[in-house]
N, C-alpha and C. Protein backbone atom coordinates (compact mmCIF):
# COMPACT_ATOMS: atom_id res chain seq x y z
N UNK A 1 5.64 9.72 -22.34
CA UNK A 1 6.00 10.92 -23.69
C UNK A 1 6.54 12.21 -23.39
N UNK A 2 7.93 12.87 -22.90
CA UNK A 2 8.57 14.14 -22.84
C UNK A 2 8.82 14.61 -24.09
N UNK A 3 8.51 15.75 -24.43
CA UNK A 3 8.75 16.64 -25.21
C UNK A 3 9.95 18.36 -24.73
N UNK A 4 11.11 18.68 -25.09
CA UNK A 4 11.35 19.20 -24.62
C UNK A 4 10.39 20.81 -24.95
N UNK A 5 10.16 21.59 -23.83
CA UNK A 5 9.78 22.90 -24.12
C UNK A 5 10.53 24.04 -25.30
N UNK A 6 9.81 24.80 -25.71
CA UNK A 6 10.99 25.49 -26.87
C UNK A 6 11.23 26.44 -25.41
N UNK A 7 12.72 26.42 -26.22
CA UNK A 7 13.41 27.83 -25.49
C UNK A 7 14.17 27.22 -23.89
N UNK A 8 13.63 26.37 -23.77
CA UNK A 8 14.14 25.79 -21.92
C UNK A 8 14.80 24.33 -21.93
N UNK A 9 14.63 24.13 -20.63
CA UNK A 9 15.01 22.49 -20.74
C UNK A 9 13.75 21.98 -19.76
N UNK A 10 12.10 22.19 -19.75
CA UNK A 10 11.43 21.75 -19.16
C UNK A 10 11.06 20.97 -19.87
N UNK A 11 10.00 20.42 -18.88
CA UNK A 11 9.32 18.93 -19.72
C UNK A 11 7.86 19.22 -20.25
N UNK A 12 7.53 18.75 -21.38
CA UNK A 12 6.40 18.92 -21.30
C UNK A 12 5.80 17.44 -20.75
N UNK A 13 4.34 17.26 -20.53
CA UNK A 13 3.93 16.10 -19.91
C UNK A 13 2.46 16.03 -20.85
N UNK A 14 1.93 14.52 -21.06
CA UNK A 14 0.62 14.17 -21.50
C UNK A 14 -0.30 13.97 -20.47
N UNK A 15 -1.32 14.64 -20.23
CA UNK A 15 -1.92 14.28 -19.31
C UNK A 15 -2.80 13.81 -19.47
N UNK A 16 -3.86 13.12 -18.89
CA UNK A 16 -4.48 11.52 -18.29
C UNK A 16 -4.94 11.39 -19.53
N UNK A 17 -6.05 12.10 -19.63
CA UNK A 17 -6.71 12.12 -20.93
C UNK A 17 -6.32 11.39 -21.61
N UNK A 18 -5.41 12.80 -22.37
CA UNK A 18 -4.47 12.26 -23.69
C UNK A 18 -3.77 10.63 -23.82
N UNK A 19 -3.18 10.81 -22.67
CA UNK A 19 -2.54 9.24 -22.62
C UNK A 19 -3.36 8.10 -22.57
N UNK A 20 -5.10 8.52 -21.91
CA UNK A 20 -5.28 6.76 -21.59
C UNK A 20 -5.56 6.57 -23.55
N UNK A 21 -6.48 7.87 -24.10
CA UNK A 21 -6.12 7.18 -25.69
C UNK A 21 -5.68 6.98 -26.46
N UNK A 22 -4.09 8.20 -25.81
CA UNK A 22 -3.85 7.43 -26.97
C UNK A 22 -2.91 5.84 -26.88
N UNK A 23 -3.02 5.32 -25.38
CA UNK A 23 -2.92 3.95 -25.31
C UNK A 23 -3.92 2.44 -26.30
N UNK A 24 -5.58 3.20 -25.59
CA UNK A 24 -6.46 2.97 -26.15
C UNK A 24 -6.25 2.58 -27.77
N UNK A 25 -5.61 3.60 -28.34
CA UNK A 25 -5.81 3.70 -30.06
C UNK A 25 -4.65 2.74 -30.56
N UNK A 26 -3.24 2.87 -29.99
CA UNK A 26 -2.23 1.80 -30.07
C UNK A 26 -2.90 0.74 -29.89
N UNK A 27 -3.61 0.19 -28.93
CA UNK A 27 -3.95 -0.96 -29.23
C UNK A 27 -5.17 -1.49 -30.11
N UNK A 28 -5.57 -0.85 -30.46
CA UNK A 28 -6.96 -1.01 -31.69
C UNK A 28 -5.86 -1.07 -33.14
N UNK A 29 -4.46 -0.26 -32.73
CA UNK A 29 -3.89 0.41 -34.75
C UNK A 29 -2.61 -1.06 -34.70
N UNK A 30 -2.20 -2.16 -33.56
CA UNK A 30 -0.63 -1.87 -34.15
C UNK A 30 -0.88 -2.89 -34.66
N UNK A 31 -0.44 -3.27 -35.85
CA UNK A 31 0.24 -3.45 -37.03
C UNK A 31 -1.30 -4.33 -38.24
N UNK A 32 -2.58 -3.80 -37.69
CA UNK A 32 -3.65 -4.81 -38.16
C UNK A 32 -3.69 -5.86 -37.46
N UNK A 33 -3.17 -6.42 -35.79
CA UNK A 33 -3.80 -6.65 -35.37
C UNK A 33 -4.21 -7.20 -33.59
N UNK A 34 -4.01 -5.93 -33.49
CA UNK A 34 -4.39 -5.48 -32.06
C UNK A 34 -3.52 -5.41 -30.95
N UNK A 35 -2.18 -5.85 -31.38
CA UNK A 35 -1.21 -6.65 -30.33
C UNK A 35 -0.33 -5.48 -29.93
N UNK A 36 -0.66 -4.73 -28.50
CA UNK A 36 0.76 -3.98 -28.22
C UNK A 36 2.01 -4.84 -27.45
N UNK A 37 3.04 -4.42 -28.30
CA UNK A 37 3.98 -4.65 -27.39
C UNK A 37 4.82 -4.27 -26.03
N UNK A 38 5.91 -5.06 -25.74
CA UNK A 38 6.46 -3.89 -24.41
C UNK A 38 7.47 -2.78 -24.49
N UNK A 39 7.55 -3.00 -26.00
CA UNK A 39 8.21 -1.60 -26.57
C UNK A 39 7.33 -0.28 -26.61
N UNK A 40 6.06 -0.83 -26.96
CA UNK A 40 5.26 0.28 -27.13
C UNK A 40 4.83 0.42 -25.97
N UNK A 41 4.54 -0.24 -24.99
CA UNK A 41 3.84 0.02 -23.88
C UNK A 41 5.04 1.35 -22.74
N UNK A 42 6.11 0.54 -23.12
CA UNK A 42 6.94 1.60 -22.66
C UNK A 42 7.49 3.37 -23.00
N UNK A 43 6.18 4.19 -23.58
CA UNK A 43 5.69 4.69 -23.77
C UNK A 43 5.12 5.36 -22.93
N UNK A 44 4.56 4.87 -21.92
CA UNK A 44 3.41 5.22 -20.55
C UNK A 44 4.09 4.98 -19.65
N UNK A 45 5.31 5.41 -19.62
CA UNK A 45 6.11 5.41 -18.43
C UNK A 45 5.87 7.05 -17.46
N UNK A 46 5.60 6.81 -16.20
CA UNK A 46 4.98 7.24 -15.79
C UNK A 46 5.53 9.12 -15.08
N UNK A 47 6.60 8.92 -15.77
CA UNK A 47 7.15 10.30 -15.29
C UNK A 47 6.91 11.42 -16.97
N UNK A 48 6.18 10.57 -17.59
CA UNK A 48 5.50 12.17 -18.92
C UNK A 48 4.87 11.73 -18.91
N UNK A 49 3.56 10.48 -18.78
CA UNK A 49 2.29 10.28 -19.19
C UNK A 49 1.80 10.18 -17.75
N UNK A 50 0.14 10.12 -17.82
CA UNK A 50 -0.66 9.74 -16.50
C UNK A 50 -1.35 8.65 -16.85
N UNK A 51 -1.98 7.86 -16.30
CA UNK A 51 -2.90 6.74 -16.77
C UNK A 51 -3.97 6.64 -15.09
N UNK A 52 -4.86 6.61 -15.29
CA UNK A 52 -6.15 6.39 -14.53
C UNK A 52 -6.59 5.16 -14.54
N UNK A 53 -7.59 4.73 -15.83
CA UNK A 53 -8.00 3.77 -16.04
C UNK A 53 -7.40 3.01 -17.38
N UNK A 54 -7.00 2.00 -17.28
CA UNK A 54 -6.58 1.57 -18.67
C UNK A 54 -7.17 0.33 -19.70
N UNK A 55 -7.48 0.23 -20.62
CA UNK A 55 -7.66 -1.41 -21.30
C UNK A 55 -6.84 -1.41 -22.50
N UNK A 56 -6.24 -2.70 -21.99
CA UNK A 56 -5.57 -2.66 -22.48
C UNK A 56 -5.76 -4.51 -23.98
N UNK A 57 -6.15 -4.02 -25.19
CA UNK A 57 -7.39 -4.92 -25.56
C UNK A 57 -7.22 -6.24 -26.24
N UNK A 58 -5.06 -6.28 -26.25
CA UNK A 58 -5.05 -7.50 -26.75
C UNK A 58 -3.73 -7.59 -26.07
N UNK A 59 -3.01 -8.18 -25.09
CA UNK A 59 -2.02 -8.19 -23.83
C UNK A 59 -1.24 -9.56 -24.33
N UNK A 60 -1.67 -10.05 -25.52
CA UNK A 60 -0.67 -11.91 -25.42
C UNK A 60 0.92 -11.89 -26.10
N UNK A 61 1.35 -10.62 -26.20
CA UNK A 61 2.62 -10.07 -26.73
C UNK A 61 3.05 -9.66 -25.20
N UNK A 62 2.59 -8.81 -24.27
CA UNK A 62 3.14 -8.40 -23.43
C UNK A 62 3.35 -9.40 -22.22
N UNK A 63 4.63 -9.25 -21.59
CA UNK A 63 5.56 -9.65 -20.74
C UNK A 63 5.53 -8.92 -19.54
N UNK A 64 5.82 -9.93 -18.39
CA UNK A 64 5.77 -8.88 -17.28
C UNK A 64 6.26 -7.56 -17.23
N UNK A 65 7.81 -8.07 -17.05
CA UNK A 65 8.64 -6.96 -17.76
C UNK A 65 8.07 -5.91 -18.32
N UNK A 66 7.21 -5.97 -19.45
CA UNK A 66 6.40 -4.96 -20.04
C UNK A 66 5.18 -3.99 -19.15
N UNK A 67 4.83 -5.07 -18.85
CA UNK A 67 3.69 -4.58 -17.64
C UNK A 67 4.05 -3.86 -16.11
N UNK A 68 5.17 -3.69 -15.98
CA UNK A 68 5.69 -3.03 -15.17
C UNK A 68 5.83 -1.44 -15.29
N UNK A 69 5.62 -0.95 -16.22
CA UNK A 69 4.95 0.17 -17.25
C UNK A 69 4.47 0.76 -16.19
N UNK A 70 3.38 -0.02 -15.52
CA UNK A 70 2.10 1.07 -15.06
C UNK A 70 2.23 1.03 -13.48
N UNK A 71 2.90 0.22 -12.85
CA UNK A 71 3.49 0.54 -11.73
C UNK A 71 3.90 1.95 -11.54
N UNK A 72 3.93 2.58 -12.18
CA UNK A 72 4.11 4.44 -11.40
C UNK A 72 3.48 4.56 -11.68
N UNK A 73 1.96 4.35 -12.35
CA UNK A 73 0.47 5.15 -12.06
C UNK A 73 -0.28 4.71 -11.36
N UNK A 74 -1.06 5.03 -10.87
CA UNK A 74 -2.20 5.42 -9.58
C UNK A 74 -3.53 4.89 -10.23
N UNK A 75 -3.13 3.96 -11.02
CA UNK A 75 -4.30 3.15 -11.17
C UNK A 75 -5.48 3.05 -10.53
N UNK A 76 -6.90 3.37 -11.18
CA UNK A 76 -8.25 3.12 -10.62
C UNK A 76 -8.78 2.02 -10.89
N UNK A 77 -8.48 1.82 -12.35
CA UNK A 77 -9.25 0.13 -12.94
C UNK A 77 -7.97 0.01 -14.11
N UNK A 78 -8.35 -1.40 -14.81
CA UNK A 78 -7.50 -1.73 -15.17
C UNK A 78 -8.27 -2.99 -16.05
N UNK A 79 -8.30 -2.98 -17.50
CA UNK A 79 -8.45 -4.05 -18.17
C UNK A 79 -7.68 -4.64 -18.92
N UNK A 80 -7.65 -6.12 -18.81
CA UNK A 80 -6.17 -6.67 -19.93
C UNK A 80 -6.78 -7.90 -20.29
N UNK A 81 -6.74 -7.75 -21.63
CA UNK A 81 -7.84 -8.97 -22.20
C UNK A 81 -6.31 -9.44 -23.37
N UNK A 82 -6.73 -11.28 -23.31
CA UNK A 82 -5.97 -12.28 -24.12
C UNK A 82 -4.23 -11.96 -23.45
N UNK A 83 -4.22 -12.32 -21.87
CA UNK A 83 -2.94 -12.01 -21.56
C UNK A 83 -2.66 -13.16 -21.25
N UNK A 84 -1.31 -13.64 -22.05
CA UNK A 84 -1.17 -15.01 -22.42
C UNK A 84 0.81 -15.24 -21.39
N UNK A 85 1.53 -14.13 -21.39
CA UNK A 85 2.96 -14.48 -21.27
C UNK A 85 2.42 -14.35 -19.20
N UNK A 86 1.82 -13.90 -18.55
CA UNK A 86 1.59 -12.96 -17.68
C UNK A 86 0.38 -14.02 -16.43
N UNK A 87 0.59 -13.92 -15.46
CA UNK A 87 -1.18 -14.28 -15.24
C UNK A 87 -1.82 -13.46 -13.52
N UNK A 88 -2.58 -13.33 -13.87
CA UNK A 88 -3.53 -11.74 -13.36
C UNK A 88 -2.44 -11.16 -11.81
N UNK A 89 -2.15 -12.59 -11.16
CA UNK A 89 -1.68 -12.34 -10.22
C UNK A 89 -0.20 -11.77 -10.57
N UNK A 90 0.51 -12.31 -11.62
CA UNK A 90 1.87 -11.46 -11.77
C UNK A 90 1.31 -10.09 -11.84
N UNK A 91 0.63 -9.55 -12.24
CA UNK A 91 -0.46 -8.37 -12.68
C UNK A 91 -0.18 -7.28 -11.66
N UNK A 92 -0.98 -8.20 -10.55
CA UNK A 92 -0.96 -7.45 -8.97
C UNK A 92 0.32 -7.77 -7.88
N UNK A 93 0.74 -8.57 -8.46
CA UNK A 93 1.76 -8.53 -7.84
C UNK A 93 3.30 -7.94 -7.57
N UNK A 94 3.94 -8.22 -8.87
CA UNK A 94 4.82 -7.31 -9.94
C UNK A 94 4.79 -6.53 -10.57
N UNK A 95 3.90 -5.91 -11.15
CA UNK A 95 3.42 -4.87 -11.99
C UNK A 95 2.88 -3.69 -11.84
N UNK A 96 2.11 -3.68 -10.45
CA UNK A 96 0.92 -2.85 -9.77
C UNK A 96 1.60 -2.34 -8.80
N UNK A 97 1.74 -1.22 -8.39
CA UNK A 97 2.09 -0.85 -6.89
C UNK A 97 1.52 -0.82 -5.80
N UNK A 98 2.02 -0.27 -4.25
CA UNK A 98 1.01 -0.68 -3.49
C UNK A 98 -0.47 -0.14 -3.56
N UNK A 99 -0.07 1.33 -4.23
CA UNK A 99 -0.85 2.58 -3.94
C UNK A 99 -2.22 1.85 -4.69
N UNK A 100 -1.97 1.17 -5.69
CA UNK A 100 -2.77 0.69 -6.75
C UNK A 100 -3.99 -0.47 -5.82
N UNK A 101 -2.82 -1.82 -5.50
CA UNK A 101 -3.89 -2.74 -4.77
C UNK A 101 -4.66 -2.01 -4.08
N UNK A 102 -3.57 -0.98 -2.74
CA UNK A 102 -5.36 -0.46 -1.92
C UNK A 102 -6.52 0.21 -2.94
N UNK A 103 -6.12 1.09 -3.66
CA UNK A 103 -6.46 1.54 -3.95
C UNK A 103 -8.32 1.10 -5.52
N UNK A 104 -7.62 0.20 -6.32
CA UNK A 104 -8.22 -0.22 -7.66
C UNK A 104 -9.96 0.15 -7.22
N UNK A 105 -10.36 -0.13 -8.20
CA UNK A 105 -11.99 -0.09 -7.96
C UNK A 105 -12.72 -1.36 -8.60
N UNK A 106 -11.22 -1.56 -9.53
CA UNK A 106 -11.45 -2.87 -10.38
C UNK A 106 -10.50 -3.19 -11.22
N UNK A 107 -10.68 -4.53 -11.75
CA UNK A 107 -9.80 -5.10 -12.12
C UNK A 107 -10.48 -6.22 -13.05
N UNK A 108 -9.93 -6.43 -14.56
CA UNK A 108 -10.79 -7.69 -15.28
C UNK A 108 -9.73 -8.53 -16.13
N UNK A 109 -9.72 -9.65 -16.02
CA UNK A 109 -9.25 -10.73 -17.31
C UNK A 109 -10.14 -10.83 -18.19
N UNK A 110 -10.12 -10.93 -19.16
CA UNK A 110 -11.11 -10.73 -20.47
C UNK A 110 -10.26 -12.58 -21.11
């Protein structure tokens, strides 16, 4: 999420801990069913947020295209639950950057 700073054209970024907490809370509170959508996940573009460890508690509505927002982050850990519209291979091959594949400490699908 980008917010213009007061008085100039600089941009404000959400730091890692705040970005990760916001994603976790969003996954917990979406429409009472805990499902996050591609549109909501798109808020976490790497140009304005930072993610290192992410937990998506209900990914049943997410597509491969929506998960591609993760590509720009240098994730070290990723947990995705209820992945219905993509496979773990899709996530690794299409949604995570090369750096992530080489550096990731853990990936789990529940």
